[in-house]
Amino acid sequence: MDAREGEGVSAAYTRSRGFVVRGRERSRSAGAEGTVAVMNRRNFVAGSGCAAAALAMPGIVPSRVRGADAPSNRINVGFIGTGRQAFGANLPQMMAVPGVQVVAVCDVDSWRMGEAQAYVDAFYAKRDGAGAYAGCRKVADFREMISDPGIDALMISTPDHWHVPMGMMAAKAKKHFALEKPISLSVAQGRLLADTVKKYGVTARNDSEFRSLRQQNHAVELVRNGHIGKLEKIEIVFPSDPPPVGVQPDMPVPPELNYDMWLGPTATVPYTEKRVHDVKQHNQRPNWMRLSTYAQGMIANWGAHYFDMAQWATNTEHTGPVEVEGRGEFPVSLWNTMINFKVEYRYADGTVMTCEQTPTSTPSISYFGSDAWIKVDGYPGTMTSSKPELLTLQPEPGELDFSKELWDKNDFIAAIREGRQPLEPIEVGHRAITLAQIGLIACQVGDKLRWNAGKECFEGNNWANALLAAPLSRPEWVVTA
């Protein structure tokens, strides 16, 4: 996730977001993925600080030694990628989940990796009251983390061009994983990843928190339960982008950065800071998010959130639209992802969805029905409606109820424990980001396109179909299912 810009990671923030396990009554849409094998707790690697603290104080046994945090019940998590998303959201959220221990961090930037290790150790030292903790280790090569039998699950928070190779390697190693969105850079990549997850039977989650935000899922709940009448149109507005930067000079690679590993599956090009991330910081939005080699811009960045909510609302999260057309600007500069765009999608039942970005736009999603409309502005969201009584309407028995859905990290861990797929499995995340990718292609070819969601191809347009795959430039990083 990266809906929040520049927020801190204080304990107050963690508490305010409610990163705790809650009871739940799950409501599933049709077509959800099947269950997965339940993890054998006896194979978990026992460990550590809280047990040592208990031994140091005879007669006093902390509750976490007996409960979810007991070594025999604990899920050990490794973090791959320790930039803004790790510090701003994923690390504090994951460490707040009962029964989870972050045991290793990995990054191609050794400064960031060291900062993450210190952050994790400080968290557990404070939690356990042990004065010091040194149980989180640094791992320079993510492949070592994937193959480590002492790590049960992974949180992958890397640049987007690494998502599919790492996700596939994790699935093949039978590692459960949560994957930052957007999960892929092409429809073909996303399909390969989703099929690999299904083949190897791991729990894998598209790491968007919007389904867990009550402001967002309440709107979907009202739509699905028919309280705005027949859904006719959805309007999505994405946040604006800063002005693109032009061509940059080649620069020496910082000593703390393994730049060749950062490039990974993409072509070898000279280093410049505006291509990667700012040196020795992890709080700013990274530069690579504006380069089409490594990301796809705001239509994918926020589209991974809003397109998922839209397809959840239309109950098409396992299919998609039948038609797409759009326009957008493609800067001729180093930062070249599409900006200032407008795309229209049409579904088989006649529902129309539009998404747009302007130089001054702010995020929102609106649902228009035959009887009423609902709009959710901003993050985490403020809901308004033409029928104010809907704002406080709670589901009745027999209606869909999303009010008790777990927070995203809690849902991921609960899914591992329960041997099920999470609230937003990779297949659903793939279908959501497909909308961004086919919308981008429609803007590139400048034509109205017919989309066959079953075959995941365009009908009658070879040019558009040629853009559905984003082949990796370096064959040594090609991963097969």
Protein backbone atom coordinates (compact mmCIF):
# COMPACT_ATOMS: atom_id res chain seq x y z
CA MET A 1 0.00 0.00 0.00
CA ASP A 2 1.08 3.56 -0.39
CA ALA A 3 -2.04 5.65 -0.01
CA ARG A 4 -0.49 7.75 2.72
CA GLU A 5 2.24 10.24 1.79
CA GLY A 6 4.88 11.04 4.40
CA GLU A 7 3.20 9.65 7.52
CA GLY A 8 5.29 8.58 10.48
CA VAL A 9 5.48 5.20 12.14
CA SER A 10 4.90 6.12 15.74
CA ALA A 11 3.21 3.83 18.20
CA ALA A 12 0.28 6.25 18.30
CA TYR A 13 -0.14 5.86 14.55
CA THR A 14 -0.04 2.09 14.85
CA ARG A 15 -2.67 2.15 17.58
CA SER A 16 -4.85 4.63 15.71
CA ARG A 17 -5.06 2.37 12.68
CA GLY A 18 -6.35 -0.52 14.77
CA PHE A 19 -3.71 -3.11 13.92
CA VAL A 20 -5.18 -5.74 16.18
CA VAL A 21 -6.92 -9.04 15.63
CA ARG A 22 -10.67 -8.67 15.74
CA GLY A 23 -13.44 -11.20 15.56
CA ARG A 24 -14.87 -11.64 12.11
CA GLU A 25 -17.83 -12.85 10.13
CA ARG A 26 -16.50 -13.32 6.61
CA SER A 27 -18.62 -12.45 3.57
CA ARG A 28 -17.14 -13.74 0.33
CA SER A 29 -17.92 -12.92 -3.27
CA ALA A 30 -18.58 -15.74 -5.70
CA GLY A 31 -15.56 -17.38 -7.27
CA ALA A 32 -13.03 -16.89 -4.48
CA GLU A 33 -9.91 -19.03 -4.56
CA GLY A 34 -9.81 -22.35 -2.75
CA THR A 35 -8.18 -23.17 0.50
CA VAL A 36 -4.52 -23.93 1.04
CA ALA A 37 -2.70 -26.42 3.20
CA VAL A 38 -2.72 -25.51 6.89
CA MET A 39 0.75 -24.72 8.17
CA ASN A 40 2.19 -27.17 10.68
CA ARG A 41 2.99 -25.05 13.74
CA ARG A 42 5.50 -27.65 14.94
CA ASN A 43 7.71 -26.77 11.99
CA PHE A 44 7.92 -23.13 13.00
CA VAL A 45 11.34 -22.10 14.17
CA ALA A 46 11.10 -21.29 17.83
CA GLY A 47 13.01 -18.35 19.06
CA SER A 48 13.70 -15.80 21.38
CA GLY A 49 13.39 -12.57 23.24
CA CYS A 50 10.17 -13.11 25.10
CA ALA A 51 11.12 -16.67 26.11
CA ALA A 52 14.51 -15.44 27.35
CA ALA A 53 12.81 -12.75 29.38
CA ALA A 54 10.59 -15.37 31.00
CA LEU A 55 13.58 -17.51 31.94
CA ALA A 56 15.24 -14.53 33.53
CA MET A 57 12.28 -14.07 35.91
CA PRO A 58 11.36 -17.41 37.55
CA GLY A 59 7.72 -17.73 38.46
CA ILE A 60 6.55 -15.00 36.07
CA VAL A 61 5.45 -16.23 32.65
CA PRO A 62 4.40 -13.51 30.22
CA SER A 63 1.04 -14.20 28.58
CA ARG A 64 2.58 -14.11 25.11
CA VAL A 65 4.69 -17.19 25.99
CA ARG A 66 1.48 -19.15 26.53
CA GLY A 67 -0.65 -17.58 23.79
CA ALA A 68 -0.37 -16.57 20.15
CA ASP A 69 3.17 -15.24 20.69
CA ALA A 70 4.43 -18.55 22.08
CA PRO A 71 7.39 -19.79 20.02
CA SER A 72 5.47 -22.93 19.03
CA ASN A 73 2.66 -20.81 17.54
CA ARG A 74 4.71 -17.99 16.12
CA ILE A 75 4.94 -17.13 12.42
CA ASN A 76 8.38 -15.85 11.46
CA VAL A 77 8.28 -13.20 8.77
CA GLY A 78 11.06 -11.91 6.54
CA PHE A 79 10.92 -8.49 4.88
CA ILE A 80 12.21 -8.05 1.33
CA GLY A 81 12.46 -4.33 0.59
CA THR A 82 12.86 -1.78 3.38
CA GLY A 83 11.97 1.55 1.83
CA ARG A 84 9.10 3.94 2.45
CA GLN A 85 6.40 1.28 2.47
CA ALA A 86 8.23 -0.84 5.00
CA PHE A 87 8.83 1.99 7.45
CA GLY A 88 5.61 3.89 6.79
CA ALA A 89 3.23 0.94 7.01
CA ASN A 90 4.33 -2.65 6.59
CA LEU A 91 6.85 -3.06 9.41
CA PRO A 92 4.83 -1.41 12.21
CA GLN A 93 1.65 -3.15 11.08
CA MET A 94 3.18 -6.60 10.78
CA MET A 95 5.00 -6.40 14.11
CA ALA A 96 1.72 -5.41 15.79
CA VAL A 97 0.02 -8.66 14.74
CA PRO A 98 -0.06 -11.14 17.66
CA GLY A 99 1.99 -14.25 17.05
CA VAL A 100 4.27 -12.67 14.43
CA GLN A 101 8.01 -12.14 14.69
CA VAL A 102 9.97 -10.23 12.06
CA VAL A 103 13.21 -12.17 12.02
CA ALA A 104 15.06 -10.84 8.96
CA VAL A 105 15.22 -7.84 6.64
CA CYS A 106 16.64 -7.64 3.12
CA ASP A 107 17.40 -4.74 0.82
CA VAL A 108 19.80 -3.89 -2.01
CA ASP A 109 20.50 -0.64 -0.14
CA SER A 110 22.62 -1.62 2.88
CA TRP A 111 21.88 1.69 4.66
CA ARG A 112 18.14 1.09 4.46
CA MET A 113 18.59 -2.52 5.52
CA GLY A 114 20.57 -1.46 8.57
CA GLU A 115 17.95 1.13 9.49
CA ALA A 116 15.24 -1.52 9.23
CA GLN A 117 17.19 -3.96 11.40
CA ALA A 118 17.65 -1.31 14.07
CA TYR A 119 13.95 -0.38 13.88
CA VAL A 120 12.85 -3.99 14.37
CA ASP A 121 15.29 -4.66 17.20
CA ALA A 122 14.22 -1.46 18.99
CA PHE A 123 10.55 -2.43 18.68
CA TYR A 124 11.05 -5.87 20.25
CA ALA A 125 13.41 -4.56 22.93
CA LYS A 126 10.75 -2.09 24.03
CA ARG A 127 7.93 -4.62 23.79
CA ASP A 128 9.75 -7.28 25.80
CA GLY A 129 11.30 -4.87 28.29
CA ALA A 130 14.61 -6.66 27.83
CA GLY A 131 16.71 -3.51 27.39
CA ALA A 132 18.28 -4.86 24.20
CA TYR A 133 17.29 -7.18 21.40
CA ALA A 134 19.34 -8.48 18.48
CA GLY A 135 17.11 -11.12 16.93
CA CYS A 136 16.55 -9.53 13.53
CA ARG A 137 19.26 -10.29 11.00
CA LYS A 138 20.24 -8.68 7.72
CA VAL A 139 20.13 -10.72 4.51
CA ALA A 140 21.76 -9.16 1.45
CA ASP A 141 20.36 -11.58 -1.16
CA PHE A 142 16.60 -12.12 -1.13
CA ARG A 143 17.06 -15.66 -2.49
CA GLU A 144 18.63 -16.69 0.80
CA MET A 145 15.55 -15.45 2.64
CA ILE A 146 13.22 -17.35 0.31
CA SER A 147 15.16 -20.59 0.84
CA ASP A 148 15.49 -20.18 4.63
CA PRO A 149 13.41 -22.90 6.35
CA GLY A 150 13.23 -20.76 9.50
CA ILE A 151 11.14 -18.11 7.71
CA ASP A 152 7.46 -18.97 7.30
CA ALA A 153 6.20 -15.98 5.36
CA LEU A 154 7.46 -12.98 3.40
CA MET A 155 6.44 -9.34 3.07
CA ILE A 156 7.64 -8.15 -0.36
CA SER A 157 7.86 -4.34 -0.54
CA THR A 158 10.25 -3.84 -3.45
CA PRO A 159 9.97 -1.70 -6.59
CA ASP A 160 7.24 -2.99 -8.90
CA HIS A 161 9.53 -4.58 -11.49
CA TRP A 162 10.66 -7.14 -8.90
CA HIS A 163 7.19 -8.20 -7.75
CA VAL A 164 6.50 -11.04 -10.18
CA PRO A 165 9.94 -12.73 -10.09
CA MET A 166 10.08 -12.62 -6.29
CA GLY A 167 6.46 -13.70 -5.87
CA MET A 168 6.94 -16.67 -8.19
CA MET A 169 10.15 -17.74 -6.47
CA ALA A 170 8.42 -17.52 -3.09
CA ALA A 171 5.46 -19.61 -4.29
CA LYS A 172 7.75 -22.28 -5.74
CA ALA A 173 9.57 -22.44 -2.40
CA LYS A 174 6.19 -22.89 -0.64
CA LYS A 175 6.60 -19.56 1.17
CA HIS A 176 3.43 -17.64 1.99
CA PHE A 177 3.76 -14.01 0.97
CA ALA A 178 2.10 -10.62 1.00
CA LEU A 179 3.00 -8.64 -2.11
CA GLU A 180 2.94 -4.87 -2.39
CA LYS A 181 0.66 -3.58 -5.07
CA PRO A 182 0.62 -3.21 -7.98
CA ILE A 183 1.55 -6.87 -8.24
CA SER A 184 2.75 -6.84 -11.87
CA LEU A 185 3.75 -4.71 -14.85
CA SER A 186 1.70 -6.57 -17.47
CA VAL A 187 -1.36 -8.76 -17.84
CA ALA A 188 0.80 -11.70 -18.93
CA GLN A 189 3.08 -11.34 -15.89
CA GLY A 190 0.13 -11.12 -13.52
CA ARG A 191 -1.49 -14.21 -14.98
CA LEU A 192 1.75 -16.18 -14.63
CA LEU A 193 2.07 -15.13 -10.99
CA ALA A 194 -1.56 -15.94 -10.15
CA ASP A 195 -1.30 -19.35 -11.79
CA THR A 196 1.95 -20.11 -9.95
CA VAL A 197 0.37 -19.25 -6.59
CA LYS A 198 -2.53 -21.56 -7.37
CA LYS A 199 -0.22 -24.37 -8.53
CA TYR A 200 1.90 -24.38 -5.36
CA GLY A 201 -0.97 -23.78 -2.93
CA VAL A 202 0.51 -20.98 -0.84
CA THR A 203 -1.36 -18.17 0.86
CA ALA A 204 -0.58 -15.01 -1.08
CA ARG A 205 -2.13 -11.59 -0.56
CA ASN A 206 -2.32 -8.50 -2.71
CA ASP A 207 -1.20 -5.95 -0.14
CA SER A 208 -3.87 -3.28 -0.47
CA GLU A 209 -5.60 -2.21 2.71
CA PHE A 210 -8.71 -0.69 1.10
CA ARG A 211 -10.93 -3.74 1.63
CA SER A 212 -10.22 -3.44 5.35
CA LEU A 213 -11.02 0.29 5.60
CA ARG A 214 -14.58 0.63 6.87
CA GLN A 215 -15.07 3.89 4.98
CA GLN A 216 -14.28 2.09 1.73
CA ASN A 217 -15.89 -1.30 2.28
CA HIS A 218 -19.06 0.27 3.73
CA ALA A 219 -19.69 1.95 0.38
CA VAL A 220 -19.17 -1.35 -1.44
CA GLU A 221 -21.46 -3.07 1.06
CA LEU A 222 -24.24 -0.56 0.41
CA VAL A 223 -23.88 -0.98 -3.36
CA ARG A 224 -23.83 -4.78 -3.22
CA ASN A 225 -26.85 -4.84 -0.91
CA GLY A 226 -28.86 -2.74 -3.38
CA HIS A 227 -29.27 0.41 -1.29
CA ILE A 228 -28.51 2.79 -4.18
CA GLY A 229 -30.66 0.87 -6.65
CA LYS A 230 -29.16 -0.53 -9.84
CA LEU A 231 -25.52 0.49 -10.15
CA GLU A 232 -25.10 2.53 -13.31
CA LYS A 233 -21.76 4.33 -13.12
CA ILE A 234 -18.55 4.49 -11.10
CA GLU A 235 -16.29 7.55 -11.20
CA ILE A 236 -12.71 7.32 -9.94
CA VAL A 237 -10.35 10.26 -9.50
CA PHE A 238 -6.65 9.69 -8.85
CA PRO A 239 -4.21 12.03 -7.08
CA SER A 240 -2.14 14.39 -9.21
CA ASP A 241 1.52 13.78 -9.98
CA PRO A 242 4.42 16.23 -9.54
CA PRO A 243 5.94 17.64 -12.74
CA PRO A 244 8.22 15.19 -14.57
CA VAL A 245 11.97 15.63 -14.37
CA GLY A 246 14.01 15.73 -17.57
CA VAL A 247 17.12 13.88 -18.60
CA GLN A 248 19.56 13.50 -15.72
CA PRO A 249 23.36 13.16 -15.73
CA ASP A 250 24.98 9.80 -15.08
CA MET A 251 26.18 9.55 -11.49
CA PRO A 252 28.46 7.28 -9.45
CA VAL A 253 26.57 4.48 -7.74
CA PRO A 254 26.36 5.10 -3.97
CA PRO A 255 28.56 2.61 -2.09
CA GLU A 256 25.61 1.32 -0.05
CA LEU A 257 23.57 0.40 -3.18
CA ASN A 258 23.83 -2.88 -5.10
CA TYR A 259 22.62 -1.22 -8.28
CA ASP A 260 22.90 -4.28 -10.49
CA MET A 261 20.62 -6.20 -8.13
CA TRP A 262 18.26 -3.21 -7.95
CA LEU A 263 17.92 -3.30 -11.76
CA GLY A 264 17.39 -7.04 -11.57
CA PRO A 265 15.20 -8.24 -14.44
CA THR A 266 15.32 -4.90 -16.32
CA ALA A 267 17.88 -3.63 -18.80
CA THR A 268 21.28 -2.35 -17.64
CA VAL A 269 21.33 1.45 -17.71
CA PRO A 270 23.56 4.08 -16.05
CA TYR A 271 22.77 5.07 -12.49
CA THR A 272 21.22 8.42 -11.67
CA GLU A 273 19.52 9.21 -8.38
CA LYS A 274 16.22 10.25 -9.95
CA ARG A 275 15.91 6.77 -11.44
CA VAL A 276 16.09 4.93 -8.11
CA HIS A 277 15.44 6.54 -4.70
CA ASP A 278 16.96 9.48 -2.86
CA VAL A 279 20.17 8.59 -1.06
CA LYS A 280 20.00 7.71 2.65
CA GLN A 281 16.34 8.34 3.25
CA HIS A 282 13.23 6.18 3.29
CA ASN A 283 10.40 8.64 3.85
CA GLN A 284 9.88 10.15 0.41
CA ARG A 285 7.99 8.74 -2.54
CA PRO A 286 10.63 6.91 -4.59
CA ASN A 287 11.71 8.21 -7.98
CA TRP A 288 11.31 4.87 -9.78
CA MET A 289 7.54 5.16 -9.47
CA ARG A 290 7.63 7.70 -12.31
CA LEU A 291 9.61 5.53 -14.76
CA SER A 292 7.67 3.19 -17.04
CA THR A 293 10.43 0.56 -16.92
CA TYR A 294 9.82 0.01 -13.20
CA ALA A 295 6.23 1.18 -12.60
CA GLN A 296 3.12 2.36 -14.45
CA GLY A 297 2.24 5.60 -12.73
CA MET A 298 -0.82 6.66 -10.82
CA ILE A 299 -3.27 4.61 -12.88
CA ALA A 300 -1.60 1.53 -11.38
CA ASN A 301 -0.42 2.95 -8.06
CA TRP A 302 -3.86 4.07 -6.87
CA GLY A 303 -5.67 1.96 -9.44
CA ALA A 304 -4.66 -1.14 -7.50
CA HIS A 305 -6.84 0.25 -4.68
CA TYR A 306 -9.79 1.81 -6.48
CA PHE A 307 -10.16 -0.70 -9.33
CA ASP A 308 -10.34 -3.45 -6.74
CA MET A 309 -13.07 -1.62 -4.84
CA ALA A 310 -14.98 -0.99 -8.06
CA GLN A 311 -14.86 -4.62 -9.15
CA TRP A 312 -15.80 -5.74 -5.64
CA ALA A 313 -18.81 -3.43 -5.88
CA THR A 314 -19.81 -4.75 -9.32
CA ASN A 315 -19.12 -8.37 -8.28
CA THR A 316 -16.72 -8.73 -11.22
CA GLU A 317 -13.53 -9.29 -9.23
CA HIS A 318 -12.83 -12.51 -11.15
CA THR A 319 -13.66 -11.15 -14.61
CA GLY A 320 -13.53 -7.56 -15.87
CA PRO A 321 -14.98 -5.07 -18.36
CA VAL A 322 -15.77 -5.73 -22.02
CA GLU A 323 -14.65 -2.40 -23.48
CA VAL A 324 -12.05 0.28 -22.75
CA GLU A 325 -10.93 3.55 -24.32
CA GLY A 326 -8.89 6.49 -23.09
CA ARG A 327 -6.38 9.26 -23.59
CA GLY A 328 -3.39 10.46 -21.61
CA GLU A 329 -0.11 12.34 -21.71
CA PHE A 330 3.23 10.56 -21.98
CA PRO A 331 6.08 12.89 -20.93
CA VAL A 332 9.26 12.78 -23.00
CA SER A 333 11.57 12.79 -20.01
CA LEU A 334 13.24 10.51 -17.49
CA TRP A 335 9.97 10.39 -15.55
CA ASN A 336 7.76 9.12 -18.32
CA THR A 337 4.76 7.33 -16.79
CA MET A 338 1.36 8.44 -18.08
CA ILE A 339 -0.17 11.56 -16.49
CA ASN A 340 -3.33 13.65 -16.91
CA PHE A 341 -5.43 10.85 -18.32
CA LYS A 342 -9.06 9.82 -18.64
CA VAL A 343 -10.14 6.23 -19.26
CA GLU A 344 -13.61 4.75 -19.66
CA TYR A 345 -14.55 1.11 -19.11
CA ARG A 346 -17.84 -0.57 -19.94
CA TYR A 347 -19.08 -3.80 -18.32
CA ALA A 348 -21.33 -6.45 -19.83
CA ASP A 349 -24.34 -5.32 -17.76
CA GLY A 350 -23.99 -1.74 -19.04
CA THR A 351 -22.24 -0.29 -15.98
CA VAL A 352 -19.76 2.41 -16.99
CA MET A 353 -16.63 3.23 -15.01
CA THR A 354 -14.37 6.22 -15.60
CA CYS A 355 -11.03 7.09 -14.07
CA GLU A 356 -9.10 10.29 -14.48
CA GLN A 357 -6.18 12.34 -13.26
CA THR A 358 -5.54 16.07 -13.68
CA PRO A 359 -2.72 18.36 -12.51
CA THR A 360 -4.77 19.25 -9.41
CA SER A 361 -6.90 16.15 -8.77
CA THR A 362 -7.40 14.51 -5.39
CA PRO A 363 -8.49 10.90 -4.79
CA SER A 364 -12.11 9.79 -4.65
CA ILE A 365 -14.46 7.06 -5.81
CA SER A 366 -18.18 7.59 -6.49
CA TYR A 367 -20.94 5.05 -7.09
CA PHE A 368 -24.06 6.20 -8.95
CA GLY A 369 -27.20 4.07 -8.80
CA SER A 370 -30.75 4.44 -10.05
CA ASP A 371 -31.89 5.58 -6.58
CA ALA A 372 -28.90 7.28 -4.95
CA TRP A 373 -25.17 8.01 -5.13
CA ILE A 374 -22.32 7.45 -2.68
CA LYS A 375 -18.92 9.14 -2.76
CA VAL A 376 -15.83 8.33 -0.72
CA ASP A 377 -13.26 11.14 -0.68
CA GLY A 378 -9.60 10.85 0.21
CA TYR A 379 -7.82 8.46 2.54
CA PRO A 380 -8.88 6.62 4.59
CA GLY A 381 -12.09 8.12 3.28
CA THR A 382 -15.04 10.40 4.04
CA MET A 383 -18.35 9.12 2.74
CA THR A 384 -21.17 11.37 1.50
CA SER A 385 -24.43 10.41 -0.19
CA SER A 386 -27.53 11.84 -1.82
CA LYS A 387 -29.33 9.85 0.90
CA PRO A 388 -27.65 10.82 4.20
CA GLU A 389 -29.39 7.98 6.02
CA LEU A 390 -27.16 5.53 4.13
CA LEU A 391 -24.08 6.84 5.93
CA THR A 392 -25.08 5.11 9.17
CA LEU A 393 -27.04 2.21 7.69
CA GLN A 394 -25.80 -1.15 8.95
CA PRO A 395 -26.44 -4.46 7.21
CA GLU A 396 -29.44 -6.52 8.17
CA PRO A 397 -29.36 -10.30 8.68
CA GLY A 398 -28.84 -11.99 5.34
CA GLU A 399 -27.10 -9.00 3.74
CA LEU A 400 -23.41 -8.78 2.97
CA ASP A 401 -21.51 -7.45 5.98
CA PHE A 402 -17.91 -6.25 5.57
CA SER A 403 -17.76 -4.40 8.89
CA LYS A 404 -15.74 -7.10 10.65
CA GLU A 405 -13.05 -7.66 8.04
CA LEU A 406 -9.56 -7.86 9.51
CA TRP A 407 -6.87 -5.29 8.82
CA ASP A 408 -4.75 -6.42 5.86
CA LYS A 409 -1.71 -7.78 7.75
CA ASN A 410 -3.94 -9.47 10.33
CA ASP A 411 -5.95 -11.01 7.51
CA PHE A 412 -2.76 -12.33 5.86
CA ILE A 413 -1.54 -13.99 9.05
CA ALA A 414 -5.00 -15.34 9.90
CA ALA A 415 -5.25 -16.83 6.40
CA ILE A 416 -1.95 -18.67 6.91
CA ARG A 417 -3.10 -20.05 10.26
CA GLU A 418 -6.53 -21.06 8.94
CA GLY A 419 -5.30 -22.55 5.65
CA ARG A 420 -7.36 -20.25 3.44
CA GLN A 421 -6.84 -17.49 0.94
CA PRO A 422 -6.95 -13.90 2.26
CA LEU A 423 -9.55 -11.22 1.63
CA GLU A 424 -7.72 -10.05 -1.50
CA PRO A 425 -5.87 -13.01 -2.99
CA ILE A 426 -3.37 -12.62 -5.82
CA GLU A 427 -5.93 -13.69 -8.44
CA VAL A 428 -8.21 -10.83 -7.40
CA GLY A 429 -5.29 -8.40 -7.25
CA HIS A 430 -4.33 -9.47 -10.77
CA ARG A 431 -7.83 -8.80 -12.06
CA ALA A 432 -7.80 -5.35 -10.46
CA ILE A 433 -4.42 -4.27 -11.84
CA THR A 434 -5.42 -5.65 -15.24
CA LEU A 435 -7.78 -2.68 -15.48
CA ALA A 436 -4.87 -0.27 -15.07
CA GLN A 437 -2.84 -2.15 -17.67
CA ILE A 438 -5.54 -2.36 -20.34
CA GLY A 439 -6.47 1.28 -19.68
CA LEU A 440 -2.85 2.27 -20.21
CA ILE A 441 -2.76 0.27 -23.45
CA ALA A 442 -5.96 1.94 -24.67
CA CYS A 443 -4.30 5.32 -24.15
CA GLN A 444 -1.14 4.14 -25.93
CA VAL A 445 -2.94 2.90 -29.05
CA GLY A 446 -5.58 5.66 -29.02
CA ASP A 447 -8.46 3.39 -29.91
CA LYS A 448 -11.58 1.87 -28.37
CA LEU A 449 -10.73 -1.72 -27.50
CA ARG A 450 -12.87 -4.81 -26.91
CA TRP A 451 -11.61 -6.83 -23.94
CA ASN A 452 -12.14 -10.57 -23.50
CA ALA A 453 -11.67 -11.10 -19.77
CA GLY A 454 -11.91 -14.87 -20.05
CA LYS A 455 -9.04 -15.13 -22.53
CA GLU A 456 -7.31 -11.98 -21.22
CA CYS A 457 -6.78 -10.51 -24.66
CA PHE A 458 -8.17 -7.82 -26.94
CA GLU A 459 -10.46 -8.78 -29.79
CA GLY A 460 -9.31 -7.71 -33.24
CA ASN A 461 -6.32 -5.53 -32.31
CA ASN A 462 -2.90 -7.17 -32.65
CA TRP A 463 -1.07 -3.96 -31.71
CA ALA A 464 -2.87 -3.79 -28.38
CA ASN A 465 -2.34 -7.51 -27.77
CA ALA A 466 1.39 -7.11 -28.35
CA LEU A 467 1.46 -4.75 -25.34
CA LEU A 468 -0.08 -7.26 -22.93
CA ALA A 469 3.29 -8.81 -22.15
CA ALA A 470 6.24 -6.96 -20.61
CA PRO A 471 9.12 -9.38 -21.22
CA LEU A 472 12.03 -9.28 -18.82
CA SER A 473 15.15 -7.80 -20.38
CA ARG A 474 17.66 -10.01 -18.54
CA PRO A 475 17.04 -13.72 -19.11
CA GLU A 476 18.85 -14.77 -15.95
CA TRP A 477 15.87 -13.50 -13.96
CA VAL A 478 13.17 -15.32 -15.95
CA VAL A 479 11.17 -17.55 -13.60
CA THR A 480 8.92 -20.35 -14.88
CA ALA A 481 6.07 -21.97 -13.01
